[in-house]
PDB file of all heavy atoms in Angstrom:
ATOM      1  N   ILE A   1      -2.267   2.195  -8.841  1.00  0.00           N
ATOM      2  CA  ILE A   1      -1.366   1.297  -8.119  1.00  0.00           C
ATOM      3  C   ILE A   1      -0.183   0.918  -9.010  1.00  0.00           C
ATOM      4  O   ILE A   1       0.962   0.939  -8.572  1.00  0.00           O
ATOM      5  CB  ILE A   1      -2.098   0.030  -7.638  1.00  0.00           C
ATOM      6  CG1 ILE A   1      -3.045   0.361  -6.481  1.00  0.00           C
ATOM      7  CG2 ILE A   1      -1.105  -1.057  -7.213  1.00  0.00           C
ATOM      8  CD1 ILE A   1      -3.910  -0.809  -6.034  1.00  0.00           C
ATOM      9  N   ALA A   2      -0.451   0.574 -10.252  1.00  0.00           N
ATOM     10  CA  ALA A   2       0.618   0.191 -11.180  1.00  0.00           C
ATOM     11  C   ALA A   2       1.609   1.332 -11.388  1.00  0.00           C
ATOM     12  O   ALA A   2       2.836   1.108 -11.372  1.00  0.00           O
ATOM     13  CB  ALA A   2       0.027  -0.258 -12.519  1.00  0.00           C
ATOM     14  N   LEU A   3       1.096   2.534 -11.546  1.00  0.00           N
ATOM     15  CA  LEU A   3       1.984   3.703 -11.721  1.00  0.00           C
ATOM     16  C   LEU A   3       2.822   3.953 -10.484  1.00  0.00           C
ATOM     17  O   LEU A   3       4.026   4.212 -10.570  1.00  0.00           O
ATOM     18  CB  LEU A   3       1.161   4.951 -12.067  1.00  0.00           C
ATOM     19  CG  LEU A   3       0.539   5.032 -13.440  1.00  0.00           C
ATOM     20  CD1 LEU A   3      -0.405   6.238 -13.539  1.00  0.00           C
ATOM     21  CD2 LEU A   3       1.618   5.125 -14.507  1.00  0.00           C
ATOM     22  N   LEU A   4       2.186   3.917  -9.314  1.00  0.00           N
ATOM     23  CA  LEU A   4       2.909   4.156  -8.070  1.00  0.00           C
ATOM     24  C   LEU A   4       3.944   3.060  -7.822  1.00  0.00           C
ATOM     25  O   LEU A   4       5.068   3.350  -7.393  1.00  0.00           O
ATOM     26  CB  LEU A   4       1.938   4.246  -6.886  1.00  0.00           C
ATOM     27  CG  LEU A   4       1.027   5.475  -6.857  1.00  0.00           C
ATOM     28  CD1 LEU A   4      -0.037   5.353  -5.789  1.00  0.00           C
ATOM     29  CD2 LEU A   4       1.851   6.756  -6.664  1.00  0.00           C
ATOM     30  N   ARG A   5       3.564   1.811  -8.075  1.00  0.00           N
ATOM     31  CA  ARG A   5       4.496   0.707  -7.887  1.00  0.00           C
ATOM     32  C   ARG A   5       5.753   0.908  -8.748  1.00  0.00           C
ATOM     33  O   ARG A   5       6.879   0.798  -8.272  1.00  0.00           O
ATOM     34  CB  ARG A   5       3.826  -0.623  -8.232  1.00  0.00           C
ATOM     35  CG  ARG A   5       4.700  -1.839  -7.959  1.00  0.00           C
ATOM     36  CD  ARG A   5       4.033  -3.144  -8.398  1.00  0.00           C
ATOM     37  NE  ARG A   5       2.760  -3.387  -7.783  1.00  0.00           N
ATOM     38  CZ  ARG A   5       2.587  -3.985  -6.599  1.00  0.00           C
ATOM     39  NH1 ARG A   5       3.640  -4.381  -5.920  1.00  0.00           N
ATOM     40  NH2 ARG A   5       1.396  -4.198  -6.125  1.00  0.00           N
ATOM     41  N   GLN A   6       5.545   1.260 -10.010  1.00  0.00           N
ATOM     42  CA  GLN A   6       6.668   1.482 -10.924  1.00  0.00           C
ATOM     43  C   GLN A   6       7.529   2.656 -10.444  1.00  0.00           C
ATOM     44  O   GLN A   6       8.759   2.559 -10.388  1.00  0.00           O
ATOM     45  CB  GLN A   6       6.161   1.751 -12.340  1.00  0.00           C
ATOM     46  CG  GLN A   6       7.271   2.011 -13.333  1.00  0.00           C
ATOM     47  CD  GLN A   6       6.729   2.298 -14.736  1.00  0.00           C
ATOM     48  OE1 GLN A   6       5.542   2.208 -14.987  1.00  0.00           O
ATOM     49  NE2 GLN A   6       7.623   2.662 -15.625  1.00  0.00           N
ATOM     50  N   LEU A   7       6.899   3.745 -10.057  1.00  0.00           N
ATOM     51  CA  LEU A   7       7.609   4.941  -9.567  1.00  0.00           C
ATOM     52  C   LEU A   7       8.456   4.597  -8.348  1.00  0.00           C
ATOM     53  O   LEU A   7       9.638   4.945  -8.278  1.00  0.00           O
ATOM     54  CB  LEU A   7       6.609   6.042  -9.214  1.00  0.00           C
ATOM     55  CG  LEU A   7       7.179   7.295  -8.557  1.00  0.00           C
ATOM     56  CD1 LEU A   7       8.011   8.112  -9.541  1.00  0.00           C
ATOM     57  CD2 LEU A   7       6.046   8.132  -7.962  1.00  0.00           C
ATOM     58  N   PHE A   8       7.861   3.924  -7.374  1.00  0.00           N
ATOM     59  CA  PHE A   8       8.551   3.636  -6.125  1.00  0.00           C
ATOM     60  C   PHE A   8       9.697   2.634  -6.340  1.00  0.00           C
ATOM     61  O   PHE A   8      10.767   2.775  -5.754  1.00  0.00           O
ATOM     62  CB  PHE A   8       7.580   3.130  -5.066  1.00  0.00           C
ATOM     63  CG  PHE A   8       6.568   4.155  -4.637  1.00  0.00           C
ATOM     64  CD1 PHE A   8       5.323   3.777  -4.200  1.00  0.00           C
ATOM     65  CD2 PHE A   8       6.838   5.517  -4.702  1.00  0.00           C
ATOM     66  CE1 PHE A   8       4.373   4.722  -3.797  1.00  0.00           C
ATOM     67  CE2 PHE A   8       5.918   6.481  -4.324  1.00  0.00           C
ATOM     68  CZ  PHE A   8       4.675   6.065  -3.870  1.00  0.00           C
ATOM     69  N   ILE A   9       9.475   1.618  -7.173  1.00  0.00           N
ATOM     70  CA  ILE A   9      10.535   0.652  -7.454  1.00  0.00           C
ATOM     71  C   ILE A   9      11.700   1.339  -8.134  1.00  0.00           C
ATOM     72  O   ILE A   9      12.864   1.087  -7.809  1.00  0.00           O
ATOM     73  CB  ILE A   9       9.982  -0.523  -8.269  1.00  0.00           C
ATOM     74  CG1 ILE A   9       9.071  -1.383  -7.387  1.00  0.00           C
ATOM     75  CG2 ILE A   9      11.112  -1.382  -8.853  1.00  0.00           C
ATOM     76  CD1 ILE A   9       8.302  -2.465  -8.113  1.00  0.00           C
ATOM     77  N   GLU A  10      11.409   2.254  -9.082  1.00  0.00           N
ATOM     78  CA  GLU A  10      12.476   2.998  -9.747  1.00  0.00           C
ATOM     79  C   GLU A  10      13.274   3.843  -8.759  1.00  0.00           C
ATOM     80  O   GLU A  10      14.458   4.113  -8.966  1.00  0.00           O
ATOM     81  CB  GLU A  10      11.891   3.904 -10.839  1.00  0.00           C
ATOM     82  CG  GLU A  10      11.424   3.167 -12.065  1.00  0.00           C
ATOM     83  CD  GLU A  10      10.682   4.053 -13.045  1.00  0.00           C
ATOM     84  OE1 GLU A  10      10.541   5.271 -12.798  1.00  0.00           O
ATOM     85  OE2 GLU A  10      10.229   3.524 -14.086  1.00  0.00           O
ATOM     86  N   GLN A  11      12.636   4.255  -7.659  1.00  0.00           N
ATOM     87  CA  GLN A  11      13.304   5.071  -6.641  1.00  0.00           C
ATOM     88  C   GLN A  11      13.997   4.207  -5.594  1.00  0.00           C
ATOM     89  O   GLN A  11      14.551   4.723  -4.622  1.00  0.00           O
ATOM     90  CB  GLN A  11      12.276   5.997  -5.960  1.00  0.00           C
ATOM     91  CG  GLN A  11      11.652   7.011  -6.878  1.00  0.00           C
ATOM     92  CD  GLN A  11      12.686   7.975  -7.462  1.00  0.00           C
ATOM     93  OE1 GLN A  11      13.508   8.525  -6.742  1.00  0.00           O
ATOM     94  NE2 GLN A  11      12.637   8.186  -8.770  1.00  0.00           N
ATOM     95  N   GLY A  12      13.911   2.880  -5.730  1.00  0.00           N
ATOM     96  CA  GLY A  12      14.589   1.984  -4.810  1.00  0.00           C
ATOM     97  C   GLY A  12      13.772   1.558  -3.605  1.00  0.00           C
ATOM     98  O   GLY A  12      14.313   0.990  -2.661  1.00  0.00           O
ATOM     99  N   TYR A  13      12.463   1.830  -3.619  1.00  0.00           N
ATOM    100  CA  TYR A  13      11.609   1.442  -2.510  1.00  0.00           C
ATOM    101  C   TYR A  13      11.034   0.056  -2.767  1.00  0.00           C
ATOM    102  O   TYR A  13      10.835  -0.350  -3.908  1.00  0.00           O
ATOM    103  CB  TYR A  13      10.417   2.409  -2.360  1.00  0.00           C
ATOM    104  CG  TYR A  13      10.803   3.800  -1.982  1.00  0.00           C
ATOM    105  CD1 TYR A  13      10.655   4.857  -2.876  1.00  0.00           C
ATOM    106  CD2 TYR A  13      11.269   4.102  -0.700  1.00  0.00           C
ATOM    107  CE1 TYR A  13      10.990   6.152  -2.534  1.00  0.00           C
ATOM    108  CE2 TYR A  13      11.595   5.399  -0.336  1.00  0.00           C
ATOM    109  CZ  TYR A  13      11.457   6.423  -1.258  1.00  0.00           C
ATOM    110  OH  TYR A  13      11.785   7.705  -0.908  1.00  0.00           O
ATOM    111  N   GLN A  14      10.721  -0.673  -1.689  1.00  0.00           N
ATOM    112  CA  GLN A  14       9.938  -1.896  -1.782  1.00  0.00           C
ATOM    113  C   GLN A  14       8.479  -1.473  -1.674  1.00  0.00           C
ATOM    114  O   GLN A  14       8.164  -0.553  -0.912  1.00  0.00           O
ATOM    115  CB  GLN A  14      10.269  -2.839  -0.647  1.00  0.00           C
ATOM    116  CG  GLN A  14      11.663  -3.385  -0.695  1.00  0.00           C
ATOM    117  CD  GLN A  14      11.911  -4.309   0.495  1.00  0.00           C
ATOM    118  OE1 GLN A  14      11.011  -4.834   1.112  1.00  0.00           O
ATOM    119  NE2 GLN A  14      13.184  -4.469   0.817  1.00  0.00           N
ATOM    120  N   VAL A  15       7.600  -2.113  -2.412  1.00  0.00           N
ATOM    121  CA  VAL A  15       6.201  -1.712  -2.440  1.00  0.00           C
ATOM    122  C   VAL A  15       5.295  -2.904  -2.197  1.00  0.00           C
ATOM    123  O   VAL A  15       5.485  -3.958  -2.793  1.00  0.00           O
ATOM    124  CB  VAL A  15       5.838  -1.092  -3.819  1.00  0.00           C
ATOM    125  CG1 VAL A  15       4.406  -0.607  -3.819  1.00  0.00           C
ATOM    126  CG2 VAL A  15       6.792   0.007  -4.198  1.00  0.00           C
ATOM    127  N   GLU A  16       4.321  -2.693  -1.322  1.00  0.00           N
ATOM    128  CA  GLU A  16       3.206  -3.631  -1.167  1.00  0.00           C
ATOM    129  C   GLU A  16       1.959  -2.795  -1.438  1.00  0.00           C
ATOM    130  O   GLU A  16       1.886  -1.645  -1.033  1.00  0.00           O
ATOM    131  CB  GLU A  16       3.167  -4.227   0.235  1.00  0.00           C
ATOM    132  CG  GLU A  16       4.334  -5.143   0.515  1.00  0.00           C
ATOM    133  CD  GLU A  16       4.309  -5.720   1.920  1.00  0.00           C
ATOM    134  OE1 GLU A  16       3.579  -5.195   2.780  1.00  0.00           O
ATOM    135  OE2 GLU A  16       5.023  -6.696   2.128  1.00  0.00           O
ATOM    136  N   ALA A  17       0.985  -3.405  -2.094  1.00  0.00           N
ATOM    137  CA  ALA A  17      -0.248  -2.675  -2.417  1.00  0.00           C
ATOM    138  C   ALA A  17      -1.454  -3.549  -2.101  1.00  0.00           C
ATOM    139  O   ALA A  17      -1.452  -4.752  -2.374  1.00  0.00           O
ATOM    140  CB  ALA A  17      -0.258  -2.259  -3.881  1.00  0.00           C
ATOM    141  N   VAL A  18      -2.461  -2.927  -1.521  1.00  0.00           N
ATOM    142  CA  VAL A  18      -3.734  -3.579  -1.253  1.00  0.00           C
ATOM    143  C   VAL A  18      -4.831  -2.624  -1.689  1.00  0.00           C
ATOM    144  O   VAL A  18      -4.617  -1.420  -1.801  1.00  0.00           O
ATOM    145  CB  VAL A  18      -3.903  -3.960   0.235  1.00  0.00           C
ATOM    146  CG1 VAL A  18      -2.882  -5.011   0.642  1.00  0.00           C
ATOM    147  CG2 VAL A  18      -3.786  -2.752   1.136  1.00  0.00           C
ATOM    148  N   SER A  19      -6.026  -3.182  -1.931  1.00  0.00           N
ATOM    149  CA  SER A  19      -7.098  -2.342  -2.472  1.00  0.00           C
ATOM    150  C   SER A  19      -8.302  -2.189  -1.537  1.00  0.00           C
ATOM    151  O   SER A  19      -9.317  -1.669  -1.952  1.00  0.00           O
ATOM    152  CB  SER A  19      -7.556  -2.907  -3.811  1.00  0.00           C
ATOM    153  OG  SER A  19      -8.017  -4.209  -3.661  1.00  0.00           O
ATOM    154  N   SER A  20      -8.173  -2.650  -0.309  1.00  0.00           N
ATOM    155  CA  SER A  20      -9.277  -2.491   0.649  1.00  0.00           C
ATOM    156  C   SER A  20      -8.742  -2.231   2.040  1.00  0.00           C
ATOM    157  O   SER A  20      -7.598  -2.561   2.352  1.00  0.00           O
ATOM    158  CB  SER A  20     -10.152  -3.745   0.643  1.00  0.00           C
ATOM    159  OG  SER A  20      -9.466  -4.824   1.247  1.00  0.00           O
ATOM    160  N   ALA A  21      -9.599  -1.697   2.895  1.00  0.00           N
ATOM    161  CA  ALA A  21      -9.211  -1.444   4.283  1.00  0.00           C
ATOM    162  C   ALA A  21      -8.974  -2.752   5.016  1.00  0.00           C
ATOM    163  O   ALA A  21      -8.056  -2.865   5.826  1.00  0.00           O
ATOM    164  CB  ALA A  21     -10.318  -0.623   4.982  1.00  0.00           C
ATOM    165  N   GLU A  22      -9.803  -3.755   4.743  1.00  0.00           N
ATOM    166  CA  GLU A  22      -9.653  -5.053   5.389  1.00  0.00           C
ATOM    167  C   GLU A  22      -8.270  -5.650   5.099  1.00  0.00           C
ATOM    168  O   GLU A  22      -7.572  -6.099   6.011  1.00  0.00           O
ATOM    169  CB  GLU A  22     -10.746  -6.015   4.933  1.00  0.00           C
ATOM    170  CG  GLU A  22     -10.642  -7.394   5.537  1.00  0.00           C
ATOM    171  CD  GLU A  22     -11.702  -8.363   5.015  1.00  0.00           C
ATOM    172  OE1 GLU A  22     -12.483  -7.990   4.114  1.00  0.00           O
ATOM    173  OE2 GLU A  22     -11.726  -9.493   5.491  1.00  0.00           O
ATOM    174  N   ALA A  23      -7.899  -5.643   3.830  1.00  0.00           N
ATOM    175  CA  ALA A  23      -6.572  -6.166   3.455  1.00  0.00           C
ATOM    176  C   ALA A  23      -5.453  -5.304   4.044  1.00  0.00           C
ATOM    177  O   ALA A  23      -4.404  -5.818   4.436  1.00  0.00           O
ATOM    178  CB  ALA A  23      -6.448  -6.234   1.946  1.00  0.00           C
ATOM    179  N   ALA A  24      -5.665  -4.010   4.135  1.00  0.00           N
ATOM    180  CA  ALA A  24      -4.669  -3.102   4.705  1.00  0.00           C
ATOM    181  C   ALA A  24      -4.431  -3.427   6.185  1.00  0.00           C
ATOM    182  O   ALA A  24      -3.285  -3.449   6.644  1.00  0.00           O
ATOM    183  CB  ALA A  24      -5.107  -1.659   4.539  1.00  0.00           C
ATOM    184  N   LEU A  25      -5.500  -3.645   6.920  1.00  0.00           N
ATOM    185  CA  LEU A  25      -5.355  -3.970   8.341  1.00  0.00           C
ATOM    186  C   LEU A  25      -4.553  -5.251   8.547  1.00  0.00           C
ATOM    187  O   LEU A  25      -3.709  -5.336   9.444  1.00  0.00           O
ATOM    188  CB  LEU A  25      -6.729  -4.059   9.010  1.00  0.00           C
ATOM    189  CG  LEU A  25      -7.465  -2.727   9.155  1.00  0.00           C
ATOM    190  CD1 LEU A  25      -8.927  -2.948   9.527  1.00  0.00           C
ATOM    191  CD2 LEU A  25      -6.775  -1.828  10.151  1.00  0.00           C
ATOM    192  N   LEU A  26      -4.791  -6.238   7.696  1.00  0.00           N
ATOM    193  CA  LEU A  26      -4.011  -7.489   7.760  1.00  0.00           C
ATOM    194  C   LEU A  26      -2.545  -7.236   7.420  1.00  0.00           C
ATOM    195  O   LEU A  26      -1.644  -7.706   8.109  1.00  0.00           O
ATOM    196  CB  LEU A  26      -4.588  -8.524   6.799  1.00  0.00           C
ATOM    197  CG  LEU A  26      -5.813  -9.288   7.252  1.00  0.00           C
ATOM    198  CD1 LEU A  26      -6.358 -10.139   6.127  1.00  0.00           C
ATOM    199  CD2 LEU A  26      -5.502 -10.135   8.461  1.00  0.00           C
ATOM    200  N   GLN A  27      -2.319  -6.471   6.358  1.00  0.00           N
ATOM    201  CA  GLN A  27      -0.954  -6.237   5.880  1.00  0.00           C
ATOM    202  C   GLN A  27      -0.124  -5.484   6.912  1.00  0.00           C
ATOM    203  O   GLN A  27       1.042  -5.759   7.112  1.00  0.00           O
ATOM    204  CB  GLN A  27      -0.985  -5.468   4.545  1.00  0.00           C
ATOM    205  CG  GLN A  27       0.315  -5.535   3.805  1.00  0.00           C
ATOM    206  CD  GLN A  27       0.714  -6.950   3.422  1.00  0.00           C
ATOM    207  OE1 GLN A  27      -0.123  -7.779   3.060  1.00  0.00           O
ATOM    208  NE2 GLN A  27       1.972  -7.264   3.540  1.00  0.00           N
ATOM    209  N   VAL A  28      -0.755  -4.542   7.610  1.00  0.00           N
ATOM    210  CA  VAL A  28      -0.048  -3.776   8.632  1.00  0.00           C
ATOM    211  C   VAL A  28       0.368  -4.686   9.782  1.00  0.00           C
ATOM    212  O   VAL A  28       1.429  -4.503  10.371  1.00  0.00           O
ATOM    213  CB  VAL A  28      -0.931  -2.589   9.122  1.00  0.00           C
ATOM    214  CG1 VAL A  28      -0.368  -1.983  10.393  1.00  0.00           C
ATOM    215  CG2 VAL A  28      -1.047  -1.537   8.033  1.00  0.00           C
ATOM    216  N   GLN A  29      -0.442  -5.693  10.084  1.00  0.00           N
ATOM    217  CA  GLN A  29      -0.106  -6.639  11.145  1.00  0.00           C
ATOM    218  C   GLN A  29       1.019  -7.574  10.726  1.00  0.00           C
ATOM    219  O   GLN A  29       1.829  -8.004  11.546  1.00  0.00           O
ATOM    220  CB  GLN A  29      -1.323  -7.493  11.519  1.00  0.00           C
ATOM    221  CG  GLN A  29      -2.423  -6.755  12.204  1.00  0.00           C
ATOM    222  CD  GLN A  29      -3.631  -7.656  12.453  1.00  0.00           C
ATOM    223  OE1 GLN A  29      -3.619  -8.841  12.153  1.00  0.00           O
ATOM    224  NE2 GLN A  29      -4.678  -7.072  12.998  1.00  0.00           N
ATOM    225  N   LEU A  30       1.070  -7.892   9.441  1.00  0.00           N
ATOM    226  CA  LEU A  30       1.994  -8.914   8.962  1.00  0.00           C
ATOM    227  C   LEU A  30       3.377  -8.411   8.623  1.00  0.00           C
ATOM    228  O   LEU A  30       4.342  -9.161   8.678  1.00  0.00           O
ATOM    229  CB  LEU A  30       1.412  -9.571   7.696  1.00  0.00           C
ATOM    230  CG  LEU A  30       0.098 -10.281   7.897  1.00  0.00           C
ATOM    231  CD1 LEU A  30      -0.445 -10.758   6.567  1.00  0.00           C
ATOM    232  CD2 LEU A  30       0.299 -11.455   8.840  1.00  0.00           C
ATOM    233  N   SER A  31       3.489  -7.163   8.253  1.00  0.00           N
ATOM    234  CA  SER A  31       4.748  -6.681   7.719  1.00  0.00           C
ATOM    235  C   SER A  31       5.008  -5.248   8.193  1.00  0.00           C
ATOM    236  O   SER A  31       4.089  -4.460   8.291  1.00  0.00           O
ATOM    237  CB  SER A  31       4.666  -6.734   6.187  1.00  0.00           C
ATOM    238  OG  SER A  31       5.894  -6.395   5.599  1.00  0.00           O
ATOM    239  N   ALA A  32       6.250  -4.955   8.451  1.00  0.00           N
ATOM    240  CA  ALA A  32       6.642  -3.599   8.854  1.00  0.00           C
ATOM    241  C   ALA A  32       6.799  -2.714   7.630  1.00  0.00           C
ATOM    242  O   ALA A  32       7.306  -3.164   6.604  1.00  0.00           O
ATOM    243  CB  ALA A  32       7.941  -3.643   9.648  1.00  0.00           C
ATOM    244  N   HIS A  33       6.313  -1.505   7.725  1.00  0.00           N
ATOM    245  CA  HIS A  33       6.402  -0.533   6.639  1.00  0.00           C
ATOM    246  C   HIS A  33       7.023   0.759   7.158  1.00  0.00           C
ATOM    247  O   HIS A  33       6.916   1.066   8.338  1.00  0.00           O
ATOM    248  CB  HIS A  33       5.020  -0.248   6.063  1.00  0.00           C
ATOM    249  CG  HIS A  33       4.328  -1.459   5.576  1.00  0.00           C
ATOM    250  ND1 HIS A  33       3.502  -2.222   6.367  1.00  0.00           N
ATOM    251  CD2 HIS A  33       4.367  -2.087   4.372  1.00  0.00           C
ATOM    252  CE1 HIS A  33       3.045  -3.255   5.677  1.00  0.00           C
ATOM    253  NE2 HIS A  33       3.562  -3.206   4.473  1.00  0.00           N
ATOM    254  N   ASP A  34       7.627   1.511   6.250  1.00  0.00           N
ATOM    255  CA  ASP A  34       8.219   2.796   6.616  1.00  0.00           C
ATOM    256  C   ASP A  34       7.258   3.939   6.328  1.00  0.00           C
ATOM    257  O   ASP A  34       7.412   5.040   6.887  1.00  0.00           O
ATOM    258  CB  ASP A  34       9.533   3.001   5.846  1.00  0.00           C
ATOM    259  CG  ASP A  34      10.549   1.932   6.200  1.00  0.00           C
ATOM    260  OD1 ASP A  34      10.970   1.905   7.369  1.00  0.00           O
ATOM    261  OD2 ASP A  34      10.899   1.126   5.316  1.00  0.00           O
ATOM    262  N   LEU A  35       6.288   3.699   5.426  1.00  0.00           N
ATOM    263  CA  LEU A  35       5.336   4.737   5.035  1.00  0.00           C
ATOM    264  C   LEU A  35       4.081   4.085   4.508  1.00  0.00           C
ATOM    265  O   LEU A  35       4.155   3.038   3.842  1.00  0.00           O
ATOM    266  CB  LEU A  35       5.941   5.629   3.934  1.00  0.00           C
ATOM    267  CG  LEU A  35       5.054   6.741   3.404  1.00  0.00           C
ATOM    268  CD1 LEU A  35       5.235   7.995   4.257  1.00  0.00           C
ATOM    269  CD2 LEU A  35       5.369   7.057   1.965  1.00  0.00           C
ATOM    270  N   ILE A  36       2.929   4.694   4.805  1.00  0.00           N
ATOM    271  CA  ILE A  36       1.653   4.222   4.270  1.00  0.00           C
ATOM    272  C   ILE A  36       1.078   5.350   3.414  1.00  0.00           C
ATOM    273  O   ILE A  36       0.940   6.478   3.893  1.00  0.00           O
ATOM    274  CB  ILE A  36       0.689   3.848   5.402  1.00  0.00           C
ATOM    275  CG1 ILE A  36       1.231   2.671   6.204  1.00  0.00           C
ATOM    276  CG2 ILE A  36      -0.709   3.527   4.840  1.00  0.00           C
ATOM    277  CD1 ILE A  36       0.413   2.321   7.440  1.00  0.00           C
ATOM    278  N   LEU A  37       0.749   5.027   2.167  1.00  0.00           N
ATOM    279  CA  LEU A  37       0.095   5.952   1.262  1.00  0.00           C
ATOM    280  C   LEU A  37      -1.333   5.469   1.116  1.00  0.00           C
ATOM    281  O   LEU A  37      -1.595   4.388   0.577  1.00  0.00           O
ATOM    282  CB  LEU A  37       0.824   5.967  -0.083  1.00  0.00           C
ATOM    283  CG  LEU A  37       0.377   6.989  -1.111  1.00  0.00           C
ATOM    284  CD1 LEU A  37       0.515   8.412  -0.564  1.00  0.00           C
ATOM    285  CD2 LEU A  37       1.193   6.844  -2.393  1.00  0.00           C
ATOM    286  N   LEU A  38      -2.280   6.249   1.626  1.00  0.00           N
ATOM    287  CA  LEU A  38      -3.675   5.803   1.822  1.00  0.00           C
ATOM    288  C   LEU A  38      -4.647   6.651   1.014  1.00  0.00           C
ATOM    289  O   LEU A  38      -4.681   7.876   1.168  1.00  0.00           O
ATOM    290  CB  LEU A  38      -3.978   5.882   3.319  1.00  0.00           C
ATOM    291  CG  LEU A  38      -5.428   5.681   3.793  1.00  0.00           C
ATOM    292  CD1 LEU A  38      -5.950   4.321   3.381  1.00  0.00           C
ATOM    293  CD2 LEU A  38      -5.476   5.856   5.302  1.00  0.00           C
ATOM    294  N   ASP A  39      -5.462   5.996   0.188  1.00  0.00           N
ATOM    295  CA  ASP A  39      -6.522   6.657  -0.537  1.00  0.00           C
ATOM    296  C   ASP A  39      -7.695   6.920   0.396  1.00  0.00           C
ATOM    297  O   ASP A  39      -8.027   6.089   1.232  1.00  0.00           O
ATOM    298  CB  ASP A  39      -6.978   5.776  -1.708  1.00  0.00           C
ATOM    299  CG  ASP A  39      -8.049   6.423  -2.564  1.00  0.00           C
ATOM    300  OD1 ASP A  39      -8.089   7.657  -2.639  1.00  0.00           O
ATOM    301  OD2 ASP A  39      -8.834   5.673  -3.169  1.00  0.00           O
ATOM    302  N   LEU A  40      -8.311   8.061   0.241  1.00  0.00           N
ATOM    303  CA  LEU A  40      -9.448   8.419   1.092  1.00  0.00           C
ATOM    304  C   LEU A  40     -10.697   7.609   0.748  1.00  0.00           C
ATOM    305  O   LEU A  40     -11.469   7.232   1.622  1.00  0.00           O
ATOM    306  CB  LEU A  40      -9.739   9.921   0.970  1.00  0.00           C
ATOM    307  CG  LEU A  40     -10.660  10.520   1.994  1.00  0.00           C
ATOM    308  CD1 LEU A  40     -10.044  10.430   3.390  1.00  0.00           C
ATOM    309  CD2 LEU A  40     -10.945  11.958   1.662  1.00  0.00           C
ATOM    310  N   GLY A  41     -10.892   7.301  -0.527  1.00  0.00           N
ATOM    311  CA  GLY A  41     -12.111   6.609  -0.949  1.00  0.00           C
ATOM    312  C   GLY A  41     -11.898   5.146  -1.242  1.00  0.00           C
ATOM    313  O   GLY A  41     -11.712   4.755  -2.378  1.00  0.00           O
ATOM    314  N   LEU A  42     -11.948   4.322  -0.205  1.00  0.00           N
ATOM    315  CA  LEU A  42     -11.816   2.875  -0.377  1.00  0.00           C
ATOM    316  C   LEU A  42     -13.200   2.260  -0.451  1.00  0.00           C
ATOM    317  O   LEU A  42     -14.172   2.812   0.082  1.00  0.00           O
ATOM    318  CB  LEU A  42     -11.019   2.283   0.787  1.00  0.00           C
ATOM    319  CG  LEU A  42      -9.579   2.740   0.891  1.00  0.00           C
ATOM    320  CD1 LEU A  42      -8.948   2.247   2.192  1.00  0.00           C
ATOM    321  CD2 LEU A  42      -8.771   2.263  -0.304  1.00  0.00           C
ATOM    322  N   PRO A  43     -13.350   1.084  -1.057  1.00  0.00           N
ATOM    323  CA  PRO A  43     -14.668   0.488  -1.227  1.00  0.00           C
ATOM    324  C   PRO A  43     -15.328   0.047   0.076  1.00  0.00           C
ATOM    325  O   PRO A  43     -16.543   0.063   0.196  1.00  0.00           O
ATOM    326  CB  PRO A  43     -14.416  -0.715  -2.140  1.00  0.00           C
ATOM    327  CG  PRO A  43     -12.967  -1.002  -2.039  1.00  0.00           C
ATOM    328  CD  PRO A  43     -12.297   0.308  -1.703  1.00  0.00           C
ATOM    329  N   ASP A  44     -14.519  -0.346   1.075  1.00  0.00           N
ATOM    330  CA  ASP A  44     -15.104  -0.902   2.305  1.00  0.00           C
ATOM    331  C   ASP A  44     -14.976  -0.006   3.522  1.00  0.00           C
ATOM    332  O   ASP A  44     -15.565  -0.322   4.566  1.00  0.00           O
ATOM    333  CB  ASP A  44     -14.504  -2.274   2.602  1.00  0.00           C
ATOM    334  CG  ASP A  44     -12.995  -2.244   2.738  1.00  0.00           C
ATOM    335  OD1 ASP A  44     -12.369  -1.268   2.281  1.00  0.00           O
ATOM    336  OD2 ASP A  44     -12.428  -3.195   3.280  1.00  0.00           O
ATOM    337  N   MET A  45     -14.279   1.110   3.417  1.00  0.00           N
ATOM    338  CA  MET A  45     -14.134   2.011   4.559  1.00  0.00           C
ATOM    339  C   MET A  45     -13.550   3.338   4.101  1.00  0.00           C
ATOM    340  O   MET A  45     -12.685   3.352   3.228  1.00  0.00           O
ATOM    341  CB  MET A  45     -13.235   1.396   5.645  1.00  0.00           C
ATOM    342  CG  MET A  45     -13.102   2.236   6.902  1.00  0.00           C
ATOM    343  SD  MET A  45     -11.891   1.559   8.093  1.00  0.00           S
ATOM    344  CE  MET A  45     -12.617  -0.012   8.492  1.00  0.00           C
TER     345      MET A  45
END
């Protein structure tokens, strides 16, 4: 996450990061995003 955040910020992107499916579902409801980068192996789903 730290590496990706740094990479994306350097490229001029805004970045939000969450570490669980539950938090991701909330974040998608709360804020509009242009792209979702999703890990296959999350702890809760």
